[in-house]
Amino acid sequence: MKQSVVALLLGFSLFFSAGQSQAATRSDLGVHILRTDELAKAVAFIDDDDVSTSSYVTIPYSYADMKDPWRWQTFFEECGRLGITPIVRLTTEFHDGVWAVPTQKQVADQISSLDALVWPGGERYIIVYNEVNHAAEWGGTLDPAGYSDILEFATNWAHSESADFVVLPAAMDLDAPNSVVTMEAFSFLRQMQAYNPEVLQLIDVWNSHSYPNPGFTASPERVGKNSVRGFTAELALLKELTGRDLHVMITETGWRDNGALFPWLESYYEYAMQHVWSDSRVIAVTPFILQGAPGPFAGFSMLDESGELTSQGEAVRKIVAPVSGGEKL
């Protein structure tokens, strides 16, 4: 999805016993929201009155957000109270249809301002921008080398600020073709690696947008790079390029309800939770989106513009409603 939508992600945290994967618990199921003031609404949607177990939230952090540390400190404190681990995605400024390319100073300022806040818990998860294999996400250009430079700088700066920072790269659009305005994801990653063989050695956790393509409507049983299992292809490529076995956060995923898909939504989510997102390498899954209506993302939305459950929200609720706190699906 486009970074032009300001996003906060609240995730499934998937837990595993030795050699045996388990599906997500009710309180691990999360959702992607738009604003910090939607945190309570998101927790209520997923956990209702149960805030006894932890999950994840990922929230974009722009240049403008640096000017409002009080709001962010309050947000972090609420995350701590609710048992939520925030995952913060760096964003820039949107002008004339594209997101600006950050300077090193802007990157340093963003990370340093985050370091000045008191975070809940130990790890400080940050994502270094978004879907940069789209020109619109990177100053109107397709620039694997330029993004590699920024990713290397951001990772080194974050690690120098605090050992608690855990750095994730921008997720790729795994369904993007080679064109004037997009680059196929693996071509982009291979060009990054060819330009700077060390850059993918520096990151701590992989970041994936594994959507059920084509059309955000495919079966969860489908396999391939542009399927809901796309993260497995990414991790295999990373192993080939770097020799590393990384864990992954799936920070965007989910189906688009086009009406015809409604009868399948519940079974699709249930299958994914039990057989896809239960992969032992997955740390968190954050489907898109709590409240995207009205607008182009209404088909993904769990709540409509008045705050009522959509068919998508009802499908997710049916899966999690029978499951209490620590029980597994």
C-alpha atoms as a PDB file:
ATOM      1  CA  MET A   1       0.000   0.000   0.000  1.00  0.00           C
ATOM      2  CA  LYS A   2       1.108   3.569  -0.509  1.00  0.00           C
ATOM      3  CA  GLN A   3       2.982   5.507   2.142  1.00  0.00           C
ATOM      4  CA  SER A   4       0.730   8.444   1.288  1.00  0.00           C
ATOM      5  CA  VAL A   5      -1.726   6.860   3.694  1.00  0.00           C
ATOM      6  CA  VAL A   6      -0.491   7.711   7.176  1.00  0.00           C
ATOM      7  CA  ALA A   7      -0.471   4.343   8.853  1.00  0.00           C
ATOM      8  CA  LEU A   8      -0.425   2.817  12.274  1.00  0.00           C
ATOM      9  CA  LEU A   9      -0.192  -0.917  12.429  1.00  0.00           C
ATOM     10  CA  LEU A  10      -1.359  -3.107  15.241  1.00  0.00           C
ATOM     11  CA  GLY A  11      -0.124  -6.643  14.803  1.00  0.00           C
ATOM     12  CA  PHE A  12      -0.573 -10.322  15.359  1.00  0.00           C
ATOM     13  CA  SER A  13       2.299 -11.533  17.551  1.00  0.00           C
ATOM     14  CA  LEU A  14       2.748 -15.215  16.703  1.00  0.00           C
ATOM     15  CA  PHE A  15       4.207 -17.489  19.353  1.00  0.00           C
ATOM     16  CA  PHE A  16       5.826 -20.867  18.837  1.00  0.00           C
ATOM     17  CA  SER A  17       6.870 -23.865  20.896  1.00  0.00           C
ATOM     18  CA  ALA A  18      10.012 -25.765  19.977  1.00  0.00           C
ATOM     19  CA  GLY A  19       9.469 -27.456  16.627  1.00  0.00           C
ATOM     20  CA  GLN A  20       5.693 -26.836  16.716  1.00  0.00           C
ATOM     21  CA  SER A  21       3.997 -23.766  15.239  1.00  0.00           C
ATOM     22  CA  GLN A  22       0.770 -22.462  16.762  1.00  0.00           C
ATOM     23  CA  ALA A  23      -1.866 -20.136  15.405  1.00  0.00           C
ATOM     24  CA  ALA A  24      -2.268 -16.654  16.789  1.00  0.00           C
ATOM     25  CA  THR A  25      -4.208 -16.005  19.971  1.00  0.00           C
ATOM     26  CA  ARG A  26      -7.168 -13.640  20.051  1.00  0.00           C
ATOM     27  CA  SER A  27      -5.178 -10.938  21.805  1.00  0.00           C
ATOM     28  CA  ASP A  28      -2.371 -11.242  19.239  1.00  0.00           C
ATOM     29  CA  LEU A  29      -4.643 -10.233  16.356  1.00  0.00           C
ATOM     30  CA  GLY A  30      -4.027  -6.640  15.344  1.00  0.00           C
ATOM     31  CA  VAL A  31      -4.991  -4.042  12.803  1.00  0.00           C
ATOM     32  CA  HIS A  32      -3.558  -1.156  10.796  1.00  0.00           C
ATOM     33  CA  ILE A  33      -4.817   2.273  11.901  1.00  0.00           C
ATOM     34  CA  LEU A  34      -4.332   5.795  10.655  1.00  0.00           C
ATOM     35  CA  ARG A  35      -3.699   7.968  13.709  1.00  0.00           C
ATOM     36  CA  THR A  36      -2.276   7.740  17.198  1.00  0.00           C
ATOM     37  CA  ASP A  37      -5.659   8.619  18.675  1.00  0.00           C
ATOM     38  CA  GLU A  38      -7.094   5.419  17.193  1.00  0.00           C
ATOM     39  CA  LEU A  39      -5.015   3.171  19.446  1.00  0.00           C
ATOM     40  CA  ALA A  40      -7.779   2.577  21.989  1.00  0.00           C
ATOM     41  CA  LYS A  41     -10.281   1.865  19.199  1.00  0.00           C
ATOM     42  CA  ALA A  42      -7.911  -0.673  17.660  1.00  0.00           C
ATOM     43  CA  VAL A  43      -7.314  -2.449  20.953  1.00  0.00           C
ATOM     44  CA  ALA A  44     -11.064  -2.529  21.601  1.00  0.00           C
ATOM     45  CA  PHE A  45     -11.694  -4.014  18.156  1.00  0.00           C
ATOM     46  CA  ILE A  46      -9.245  -6.843  18.681  1.00  0.00           C
ATOM     47  CA  ASP A  47      -9.004  -7.404  22.415  1.00  0.00           C
ATOM     48  CA  ASP A  48     -12.303  -6.001  23.692  1.00  0.00           C
ATOM     49  CA  ASP A  49     -11.833  -5.940  27.487  1.00  0.00           C
ATOM     50  CA  ASP A  50      -8.780  -8.196  27.501  1.00  0.00           C
ATOM     51  CA  VAL A  51      -5.510  -6.246  27.657  1.00  0.00           C
ATOM     52  CA  SER A  52      -3.635  -8.920  29.585  1.00  0.00           C
ATOM     53  CA  THR A  53      -1.352  -9.975  26.761  1.00  0.00           C
ATOM     54  CA  SER A  54       0.933  -8.094  24.416  1.00  0.00           C
ATOM     55  CA  SER A  55       0.860  -7.305  20.711  1.00  0.00           C
ATOM     56  CA  TYR A  56       2.458  -4.854  18.298  1.00  0.00           C
ATOM     57  CA  VAL A  57       1.629  -1.490  16.791  1.00  0.00           C
ATOM     58  CA  THR A  58       3.474   0.144  13.937  1.00  0.00           C
ATOM     59  CA  ILE A  59       3.060   3.861  13.382  1.00  0.00           C
ATOM     60  CA  PRO A  60       4.473   6.251  10.768  1.00  0.00           C
ATOM     61  CA  TYR A  61       6.658   9.042  12.090  1.00  0.00           C
ATOM     62  CA  SER A  62       7.084  12.111   9.864  1.00  0.00           C
ATOM     63  CA  TYR A  63       9.193  15.253   9.994  1.00  0.00           C
ATOM     64  CA  ALA A  64       6.157  17.066  11.413  1.00  0.00           C
ATOM     65  CA  ASP A  65       5.872  14.536  14.225  1.00  0.00           C
ATOM     66  CA  MET A  66       9.263  15.591  15.549  1.00  0.00           C
ATOM     67  CA  LYS A  67       7.623  18.883  16.555  1.00  0.00           C
ATOM     68  CA  ASP A  68       5.138  17.156  18.860  1.00  0.00           C
ATOM     69  CA  PRO A  69       7.153  15.054  21.337  1.00  0.00           C
ATOM     70  CA  TRP A  70       4.503  15.374  24.051  1.00  0.00           C
ATOM     71  CA  ARG A  71       1.889  13.620  21.901  1.00  0.00           C
ATOM     72  CA  TRP A  72       4.316  10.858  21.041  1.00  0.00           C
ATOM     73  CA  GLN A  73       5.448  10.386  24.613  1.00  0.00           C
ATOM     74  CA  THR A  74       1.810  10.104  25.641  1.00  0.00           C
ATOM     75  CA  PHE A  75       1.248   7.569  22.877  1.00  0.00           C
ATOM     76  CA  PHE A  76       4.229   5.489  24.008  1.00  0.00           C
ATOM     77  CA  GLU A  77       2.966   5.584  27.581  1.00  0.00           C
ATOM     78  CA  GLU A  78      -0.432   4.341  26.423  1.00  0.00           C
ATOM     79  CA  CYS A  79       1.293   1.562  24.485  1.00  0.00           C
ATOM     80  CA  GLY A  80       3.080   0.545  27.668  1.00  0.00           C
ATOM     81  CA  ARG A  81      -0.130   0.585  29.687  1.00  0.00           C
ATOM     82  CA  LEU A  82      -1.898  -1.569  27.097  1.00  0.00           C
ATOM     83  CA  GLY A  83       0.994  -3.989  26.605  1.00  0.00           C
ATOM     84  CA  ILE A  84       1.667  -2.789  23.050  1.00  0.00           C
ATOM     85  CA  THR A  85       5.101  -2.755  21.400  1.00  0.00           C
ATOM     86  CA  PRO A  86       5.292   0.085  18.832  1.00  0.00           C
ATOM     87  CA  ILE A  87       6.958  -0.360  15.450  1.00  0.00           C
ATOM     88  CA  VAL A  88       7.739   3.111  14.097  1.00  0.00           C
ATOM     89  CA  ARG A  89       7.964   3.671  10.334  1.00  0.00           C
ATOM     90  CA  LEU A  90       9.900   6.725   9.240  1.00  0.00           C
ATOM     91  CA  THR A  91       8.137   8.911   6.668  1.00  0.00           C
ATOM     92  CA  THR A  92       9.095  12.166   4.946  1.00  0.00           C
ATOM     93  CA  GLU A  93       6.889  14.825   3.296  1.00  0.00           C
ATOM     94  CA  PHE A  94       4.389  14.382   0.462  1.00  0.00           C
ATOM     95  CA  HIS A  95       4.521  16.976  -2.327  1.00  0.00           C
ATOM     96  CA  ASP A  96       3.210  16.943  -5.898  1.00  0.00           C
ATOM     97  CA  GLY A  97       2.283  13.277  -5.784  1.00  0.00           C
ATOM     98  CA  VAL A  98       5.567  11.911  -4.425  1.00  0.00           C
ATOM     99  CA  TRP A  99       7.293  11.373  -1.092  1.00  0.00           C
ATOM    100  CA  ALA A 100      10.493  13.348  -0.673  1.00  0.00           C
ATOM    101  CA  VAL A 101      13.873  11.637  -0.484  1.00  0.00           C
ATOM    102  CA  PRO A 102      15.321  12.303   2.986  1.00  0.00           C
ATOM    103  CA  THR A 103      18.723  13.826   3.576  1.00  0.00           C
ATOM    104  CA  GLN A 104      21.111  12.235   6.036  1.00  0.00           C
ATOM    105  CA  LYS A 105      20.450  15.113   8.427  1.00  0.00           C
ATOM    106  CA  GLN A 106      16.709  14.515   8.275  1.00  0.00           C
ATOM    107  CA  VAL A 107      17.218  10.803   8.927  1.00  0.00           C
ATOM    108  CA  ALA A 108      19.487  11.558  11.881  1.00  0.00           C
ATOM    109  CA  ASP A 109      17.031  14.103  13.274  1.00  0.00           C
ATOM    110  CA  GLN A 110      14.143  11.652  13.072  1.00  0.00           C
ATOM    111  CA  ILE A 111      16.017   8.847  14.792  1.00  0.00           C
ATOM    112  CA  SER A 112      17.526  11.125  17.439  1.00  0.00           C
ATOM    113  CA  SER A 113      14.115  12.579  18.265  1.00  0.00           C
ATOM    114  CA  LEU A 114      12.776   9.059  18.716  1.00  0.00           C
ATOM    115  CA  ASP A 115      15.753   8.188  20.894  1.00  0.00           C
ATOM    116  CA  ALA A 116      14.851  11.108  23.179  1.00  0.00           C
ATOM    117  CA  LEU A 117      11.480   9.521  23.992  1.00  0.00           C
ATOM    118  CA  VAL A 118      10.911   6.921  26.688  1.00  0.00           C
ATOM    119  CA  TRP A 119       9.836   3.792  24.850  1.00  0.00           C
ATOM    120  CA  PRO A 120       7.725   1.022  26.343  1.00  0.00           C
ATOM    121  CA  GLY A 121       9.612  -2.221  26.814  1.00  0.00           C
ATOM    122  CA  GLY A 122      13.046  -3.044  25.450  1.00  0.00           C
ATOM    123  CA  GLU A 123      13.231  -3.227  21.650  1.00  0.00           C
ATOM    124  CA  ARG A 124      12.761  -0.042  19.640  1.00  0.00           C
ATOM    125  CA  TYR A 125      11.531  -1.184  16.231  1.00  0.00           C
ATOM    126  CA  ILE A 126      11.940   1.296  13.365  1.00  0.00           C
ATOM    127  CA  ILE A 127      11.234   0.899   9.648  1.00  0.00           C
ATOM    128  CA  VAL A 128      13.320   2.919   7.196  1.00  0.00           C
ATOM    129  CA  TYR A 129      10.606   4.288   4.850  1.00  0.00           C
ATOM    130  CA  ASN A 130       8.239   2.435   2.552  1.00  0.00           C
ATOM    131  CA  GLU A 131       7.901   0.531  -0.750  1.00  0.00           C
ATOM    132  CA  VAL A 132      10.830   2.251  -2.395  1.00  0.00           C
ATOM    133  CA  ASN A 133      10.454   0.122  -5.532  1.00  0.00           C
ATOM    134  CA  HIS A 134       7.727   2.666  -6.371  1.00  0.00           C
ATOM    135  CA  ALA A 135       9.112   5.928  -7.753  1.00  0.00           C
ATOM    136  CA  ALA A 136       6.358   7.861  -5.966  1.00  0.00           C
ATOM    137  CA  GLU A 137       7.755   6.659  -2.639  1.00  0.00           C
ATOM    138  CA  TRP A 138      11.256   7.987  -3.362  1.00  0.00           C
ATOM    139  CA  GLY A 139      11.184  11.437  -4.876  1.00  0.00           C
ATOM    140  CA  GLY A 140       9.804  10.244  -8.215  1.00  0.00           C
ATOM    141  CA  THR A 141      12.820   8.039  -8.944  1.00  0.00           C
ATOM    142  CA  LEU A 142      13.716   4.351  -8.885  1.00  0.00           C
ATOM    143  CA  ASP A 143      17.061   4.388  -7.093  1.00  0.00           C
ATOM    144  CA  PRO A 144      18.269   1.181  -5.398  1.00  0.00           C
ATOM    145  CA  ALA A 145      21.713   2.708  -4.813  1.00  0.00           C
ATOM    146  CA  GLY A 146      20.317   5.870  -3.264  1.00  0.00           C
ATOM    147  CA  TYR A 147      18.038   3.923  -0.965  1.00  0.00           C
ATOM    148  CA  SER A 148      20.941   1.647  -0.004  1.00  0.00           C
ATOM    149  CA  ASP A 149      22.915   4.691   1.108  1.00  0.00           C
ATOM    150  CA  ILE A 150      20.041   5.958   3.253  1.00  0.00           C
ATOM    151  CA  LEU A 151      19.333   2.512   4.728  1.00  0.00           C
ATOM    152  CA  GLU A 152      22.994   2.043   5.652  1.00  0.00           C
ATOM    153  CA  PHE A 153      23.181   5.505   7.216  1.00  0.00           C
ATOM    154  CA  ALA A 154      19.904   5.078   9.127  1.00  0.00           C
ATOM    155  CA  THR A 155      20.877   1.658  10.458  1.00  0.00           C
ATOM    156  CA  ASN A 156      24.299   2.790  11.619  1.00  0.00           C
ATOM    157  CA  TRP A 157      22.886   5.967  13.161  1.00  0.00           C
ATOM    158  CA  ALA A 158      20.168   4.085  15.035  1.00  0.00           C
ATOM    159  CA  HIS A 159      22.595   1.502  16.368  1.00  0.00           C
ATOM    160  CA  SER A 160      24.950   4.266  17.508  1.00  0.00           C
ATOM    161  CA  GLU A 161      22.109   6.046  19.329  1.00  0.00           C
ATOM    162  CA  SER A 162      20.918   2.975  21.221  1.00  0.00           C
ATOM    163  CA  ALA A 163      21.576  -0.742  21.157  1.00  0.00           C
ATOM    164  CA  ASP A 164      17.827  -1.159  21.683  1.00  0.00           C
ATOM    165  CA  PHE A 165      16.976   0.027  18.161  1.00  0.00           C
ATOM    166  CA  VAL A 166      15.906  -2.831  15.874  1.00  0.00           C
ATOM    167  CA  VAL A 167      16.047  -1.703  12.242  1.00  0.00           C
ATOM    168  CA  LEU A 168      13.803  -2.982   9.451  1.00  0.00           C
ATOM    169  CA  PRO A 169      14.141  -1.920   5.795  1.00  0.00           C
ATOM    170  CA  ALA A 170      11.335  -0.523   3.673  1.00  0.00           C
ATOM    171  CA  ALA A 171       8.983  -3.278   2.595  1.00  0.00           C
ATOM    172  CA  MET A 172       8.788  -3.919  -1.140  1.00  0.00           C
ATOM    173  CA  ASP A 173       5.635  -4.033  -3.247  1.00  0.00           C
ATOM    174  CA  LEU A 174       5.932  -7.694  -4.222  1.00  0.00           C
ATOM    175  CA  ASP A 175       3.388  -7.358  -7.035  1.00  0.00           C
ATOM    176  CA  ALA A 176       5.068  -4.408  -8.797  1.00  0.00           C
ATOM    177  CA  PRO A 177       6.316  -5.005 -12.367  1.00  0.00           C
ATOM    178  CA  ASN A 178       9.294  -3.441 -14.084  1.00  0.00           C
ATOM    179  CA  SER A 179       8.008  -0.181 -15.558  1.00  0.00           C
ATOM    180  CA  VAL A 180       8.788   3.523 -15.742  1.00  0.00           C
ATOM    181  CA  VAL A 181       7.389   4.081 -12.242  1.00  0.00           C
ATOM    182  CA  THR A 182       7.960   0.730 -10.507  1.00  0.00           C
ATOM    183  CA  MET A 183      10.678  -1.900 -10.277  1.00  0.00           C
ATOM    184  CA  GLU A 184      10.173  -5.599  -9.657  1.00  0.00           C
ATOM    185  CA  ALA A 185      11.002  -6.182  -5.985  1.00  0.00           C
ATOM    186  CA  PHE A 186      13.734  -8.788  -6.352  1.00  0.00           C
ATOM    187  CA  SER A 187      15.446  -6.779  -9.100  1.00  0.00           C
ATOM    188  CA  PHE A 188      15.479  -3.821  -6.711  1.00  0.00           C
ATOM    189  CA  LEU A 189      16.942  -5.907  -3.886  1.00  0.00           C
ATOM    190  CA  ARG A 190      19.576  -7.479  -6.130  1.00  0.00           C
ATOM    191  CA  GLN A 191      20.642  -4.029  -7.334  1.00  0.00           C
ATOM    192  CA  MET A 192      20.894  -2.848  -3.727  1.00  0.00           C
ATOM    193  CA  GLN A 193      23.081  -5.836  -2.916  1.00  0.00           C
ATOM    194  CA  ALA A 194      25.270  -5.353  -6.008  1.00  0.00           C
ATOM    195  CA  TYR A 195      25.821  -1.690  -5.136  1.00  0.00           C
ATOM    196  CA  ASN A 196      26.533  -2.303  -1.448  1.00  0.00           C
ATOM    197  CA  PRO A 197      27.039  -5.937  -0.391  1.00  0.00           C
ATOM    198  CA  GLU A 198      27.036  -4.917   3.279  1.00  0.00           C
ATOM    199  CA  VAL A 199      23.710  -3.104   3.482  1.00  0.00           C
ATOM    200  CA  LEU A 200      21.536  -6.192   3.932  1.00  0.00           C
ATOM    201  CA  GLN A 201      23.996  -7.470   6.534  1.00  0.00           C
ATOM    202  CA  LEU A 202      23.249  -4.464   8.741  1.00  0.00           C
ATOM    203  CA  ILE A 203      19.485  -4.735   9.191  1.00  0.00           C
ATOM    204  CA  ASP A 204      18.054  -6.628  12.148  1.00  0.00           C
ATOM    205  CA  VAL A 205      14.639  -7.928  11.027  1.00  0.00           C
ATOM    206  CA  TRP A 206      13.032  -8.228   7.592  1.00  0.00           C
ATOM    207  CA  ASN A 207       9.908  -6.249   6.699  1.00  0.00           C
ATOM    208  CA  SER A 208       7.299  -7.632   4.299  1.00  0.00           C
ATOM    209  CA  HIS A 209       4.088  -6.523   2.593  1.00  0.00           C
ATOM    210  CA  SER A 210       2.790  -9.995   1.735  1.00  0.00           C
ATOM    211  CA  TYR A 211      -0.579  -9.320   0.124  1.00  0.00           C
ATOM    212  CA  PRO A 212      -2.853 -11.973  -1.463  1.00  0.00           C
ATOM    213  CA  ASN A 213      -2.367 -10.898  -5.055  1.00  0.00           C
ATOM    214  CA  PRO A 214      -3.388 -10.595  -7.784  1.00  0.00           C
ATOM    215  CA  GLY A 215      -5.982  -8.008  -6.878  1.00  0.00           C
ATOM    216  CA  PHE A 216      -5.672  -8.390  -3.091  1.00  0.00           C
ATOM    217  CA  THR A 217      -8.291 -11.159  -3.389  1.00  0.00           C
ATOM    218  CA  ALA A 218      -6.387 -14.411  -3.995  1.00  0.00           C
ATOM    219  CA  SER A 219      -6.739 -17.547  -1.914  1.00  0.00           C
ATOM    220  CA  PRO A 220      -4.351 -17.908   1.049  1.00  0.00           C
ATOM    221  CA  GLU A 221      -3.483 -21.338  -0.328  1.00  0.00           C
ATOM    222  CA  ARG A 222      -1.831 -19.695  -3.315  1.00  0.00           C
ATOM    223  CA  VAL A 223       1.977 -19.697  -3.282  1.00  0.00           C
ATOM    224  CA  GLY A 224       4.481 -17.371  -4.916  1.00  0.00           C
ATOM    225  CA  LYS A 225       6.219 -14.073  -4.401  1.00  0.00           C
ATOM    226  CA  ASN A 226       3.050 -12.002  -4.816  1.00  0.00           C
ATOM    227  CA  SER A 227       0.911 -14.213  -2.580  1.00  0.00           C
ATOM    228  CA  VAL A 228       0.125 -13.991   1.120  1.00  0.00           C
ATOM    229  CA  ARG A 229       3.188 -16.248   1.498  1.00  0.00           C
ATOM    230  CA  GLY A 230       5.442 -13.759  -0.282  1.00  0.00           C
ATOM    231  CA  PHE A 231       7.640 -13.337   2.781  1.00  0.00           C
ATOM    232  CA  THR A 232       8.919 -16.899   2.339  1.00  0.00           C
ATOM    233  CA  ALA A 233      10.270 -16.028  -1.116  1.00  0.00           C
ATOM    234  CA  GLU A 234      11.863 -12.872   0.286  1.00  0.00           C
ATOM    235  CA  LEU A 235      13.571 -14.749   3.103  1.00  0.00           C
ATOM    236  CA  ALA A 236      14.857 -17.316   0.606  1.00  0.00           C
ATOM    237  CA  LEU A 237      16.325 -14.521  -1.536  1.00  0.00           C
ATOM    238  CA  LEU A 238      17.959 -12.942   1.518  1.00  0.00           C
ATOM    239  CA  LYS A 239      19.496 -16.297   2.401  1.00  0.00           C
ATOM    240  CA  GLU A 240      20.877 -16.528  -1.142  1.00  0.00           C
ATOM    241  CA  LEU A 241      22.272 -12.988  -1.121  1.00  0.00           C
ATOM    242  CA  THR A 242      23.602 -12.788   2.434  1.00  0.00           C
ATOM    243  CA  GLY A 243      23.641 -16.232   4.007  1.00  0.00           C
ATOM    244  CA  ARG A 244      21.457 -14.851   6.810  1.00  0.00           C
ATOM    245  CA  ASP A 245      18.353 -16.421   8.325  1.00  0.00           C
ATOM    246  CA  LEU A 246      16.217 -13.451   9.315  1.00  0.00           C
ATOM    247  CA  HIS A 247      12.935 -13.177  11.179  1.00  0.00           C
ATOM    248  CA  VAL A 248      10.195 -11.091   9.594  1.00  0.00           C
ATOM    249  CA  MET A 249       7.437  -8.675  10.486  1.00  0.00           C
ATOM    250  CA  ILE A 250       4.597  -8.667   7.965  1.00  0.00           C
ATOM    251  CA  THR A 251       3.642  -5.036   8.441  1.00  0.00           C
ATOM    252  CA  GLU A 252       0.957  -4.970   5.731  1.00  0.00           C
ATOM    253  CA  THR A 253      -1.340  -7.704   4.459  1.00  0.00           C
ATOM    254  CA  GLY A 254      -5.038  -8.466   4.148  1.00  0.00           C
ATOM    255  CA  TRP A 255      -7.826  -8.897   1.637  1.00  0.00           C
ATOM    256  CA  ARG A 256      -9.885  -6.325  -0.232  1.00  0.00           C
ATOM    257  CA  ASP A 257     -13.586  -7.087   0.042  1.00  0.00           C
ATOM    258  CA  ASN A 258     -15.111  -6.479  -3.371  1.00  0.00           C
ATOM    259  CA  GLY A 259     -18.492  -7.913  -2.410  1.00  0.00           C
ATOM    260  CA  ALA A 260     -17.959 -11.211  -4.181  1.00  0.00           C
ATOM    261  CA  LEU A 261     -15.182 -12.074  -1.724  1.00  0.00           C
ATOM    262  CA  PHE A 262     -17.344 -11.697   1.394  1.00  0.00           C
ATOM    263  CA  PRO A 263     -18.336 -15.395   1.716  1.00  0.00           C
ATOM    264  CA  TRP A 264     -14.657 -16.367   1.772  1.00  0.00           C
ATOM    265  CA  LEU A 265     -13.175 -13.734   4.069  1.00  0.00           C
ATOM    266  CA  GLU A 266     -13.613 -15.618   7.327  1.00  0.00           C
ATOM    267  CA  SER A 267     -12.105 -18.842   5.997  1.00  0.00           C
ATOM    268  CA  TYR A 268      -9.273 -16.926   4.306  1.00  0.00           C
ATOM    269  CA  TYR A 269      -8.209 -15.226   7.532  1.00  0.00           C
ATOM    270  CA  GLU A 270      -8.588 -18.430   9.507  1.00  0.00           C
ATOM    271  CA  TYR A 271      -6.443 -20.371   7.038  1.00  0.00           C
ATOM    272  CA  ALA A 272      -3.765 -17.678   7.005  1.00  0.00           C
ATOM    273  CA  MET A 273      -3.619 -17.516  10.785  1.00  0.00           C
ATOM    274  CA  GLN A 274      -3.315 -21.281  11.116  1.00  0.00           C
ATOM    275  CA  HIS A 275      -1.148 -22.186   8.126  1.00  0.00           C
ATOM    276  CA  VAL A 276       0.708 -19.122   6.808  1.00  0.00           C
ATOM    277  CA  TRP A 277       1.377 -16.604   9.575  1.00  0.00           C
ATOM    278  CA  SER A 278       2.207 -19.465  11.941  1.00  0.00           C
ATOM    279  CA  ASP A 279       5.631 -19.757  10.266  1.00  0.00           C
ATOM    280  CA  SER A 280       8.195 -19.736  13.084  1.00  0.00           C
ATOM    281  CA  ARG A 281      10.144 -16.912  11.423  1.00  0.00           C
ATOM    282  CA  VAL A 282       7.190 -14.517  11.689  1.00  0.00           C
ATOM    283  CA  ILE A 283       7.312 -12.154  14.663  1.00  0.00           C
ATOM    284  CA  ALA A 284       4.209 -10.076  13.916  1.00  0.00           C
ATOM    285  CA  VAL A 285       1.500  -9.638  11.280  1.00  0.00           C
ATOM    286  CA  THR A 286      -0.353  -6.347  10.900  1.00  0.00           C
ATOM    287  CA  PRO A 287      -3.242  -6.478   8.403  1.00  0.00           C
ATOM    288  CA  PHE A 288      -4.529  -3.357   6.692  1.00  0.00           C
ATOM    289  CA  ILE A 289      -6.720  -1.421   7.905  1.00  0.00           C
ATOM    290  CA  LEU A 290      -8.931  -0.484  10.882  1.00  0.00           C
ATOM    291  CA  GLN A 291     -10.794   2.458   9.337  1.00  0.00           C
ATOM    292  CA  GLY A 292     -10.024   3.311   5.731  1.00  0.00           C
ATOM    293  CA  ALA A 293     -13.512   4.444   4.785  1.00  0.00           C
ATOM    294  CA  PRO A 294     -14.444   6.634   3.063  1.00  0.00           C
ATOM    295  CA  GLY A 295     -11.699   6.524   0.467  1.00  0.00           C
ATOM    296  CA  PRO A 296      -9.764   4.201  -1.824  1.00  0.00           C
ATOM    297  CA  PHE A 297      -9.034   1.725   0.968  1.00  0.00           C
ATOM    298  CA  ALA A 298     -12.634   1.213   2.095  1.00  0.00           C
ATOM    299  CA  GLY A 299     -12.529  -2.366   0.817  1.00  0.00           C
ATOM    300  CA  PHE A 300      -9.797  -3.214   3.322  1.00  0.00           C
ATOM    301  CA  SER A 301     -11.461  -1.458   6.254  1.00  0.00           C
ATOM    302  CA  MET A 302     -12.611  -3.242   9.418  1.00  0.00           C
ATOM    303  CA  LEU A 303     -14.810  -0.280  10.403  1.00  0.00           C
ATOM    304  CA  ASP A 304     -16.894   1.967   8.186  1.00  0.00           C
ATOM    305  CA  GLU A 305     -16.853   5.767   8.363  1.00  0.00           C
ATOM    306  CA  SER A 306     -19.343   5.742  11.243  1.00  0.00           C
ATOM    307  CA  GLY A 307     -17.300   3.236  13.229  1.00  0.00           C
ATOM    308  CA  GLU A 308     -19.512   0.211  12.582  1.00  0.00           C
ATOM    309  CA  LEU A 309     -18.112  -3.184  11.602  1.00  0.00           C
ATOM    310  CA  THR A 310     -17.787  -3.828   7.871  1.00  0.00           C
ATOM    311  CA  SER A 311     -18.073  -7.299   6.360  1.00  0.00           C
ATOM    312  CA  GLN A 312     -14.299  -7.515   6.669  1.00  0.00           C
ATOM    313  CA  GLY A 313     -14.421  -6.576  10.340  1.00  0.00           C
ATOM    314  CA  GLU A 314     -17.206  -9.068  10.974  1.00  0.00           C
ATOM    315  CA  ALA A 315     -15.155 -11.835   9.367  1.00  0.00           C
ATOM    316  CA  VAL A 316     -12.172 -11.145  11.590  1.00  0.00           C
ATOM    317  CA  ARG A 317     -14.385 -10.817  14.656  1.00  0.00           C
ATOM    318  CA  LYS A 318     -15.972 -14.227  13.986  1.00  0.00           C
ATOM    319  CA  ILE A 319     -12.529 -15.799  14.021  1.00  0.00           C
ATOM    320  CA  VAL A 320     -11.342 -14.220  17.244  1.00  0.00           C
ATOM    321  CA  ALA A 321     -14.593 -13.944  19.232  1.00  0.00           C
ATOM    322  CA  PRO A 322     -14.697 -17.569  20.462  1.00  0.00           C
ATOM    323  CA  VAL A 323     -11.068 -17.438  21.570  1.00  0.00           C
ATOM    324  CA  SER A 324     -10.244 -16.098  24.999  1.00  0.00           C
ATOM    325  CA  GLY A 325      -6.960 -14.620  26.251  1.00  0.00           C
ATOM    326  CA  GLY A 326      -4.365 -17.372  26.160  1.00  0.00           C
ATOM    327  CA  GLU A 327      -6.201 -20.006  24.128  1.00  0.00           C
ATOM    328  CA  LYS A 328      -4.978 -20.840  20.643  1.00  0.00           C
ATOM    329  CA  LEU A 329      -7.037 -20.918  17.499  1.00  0.00           C
END
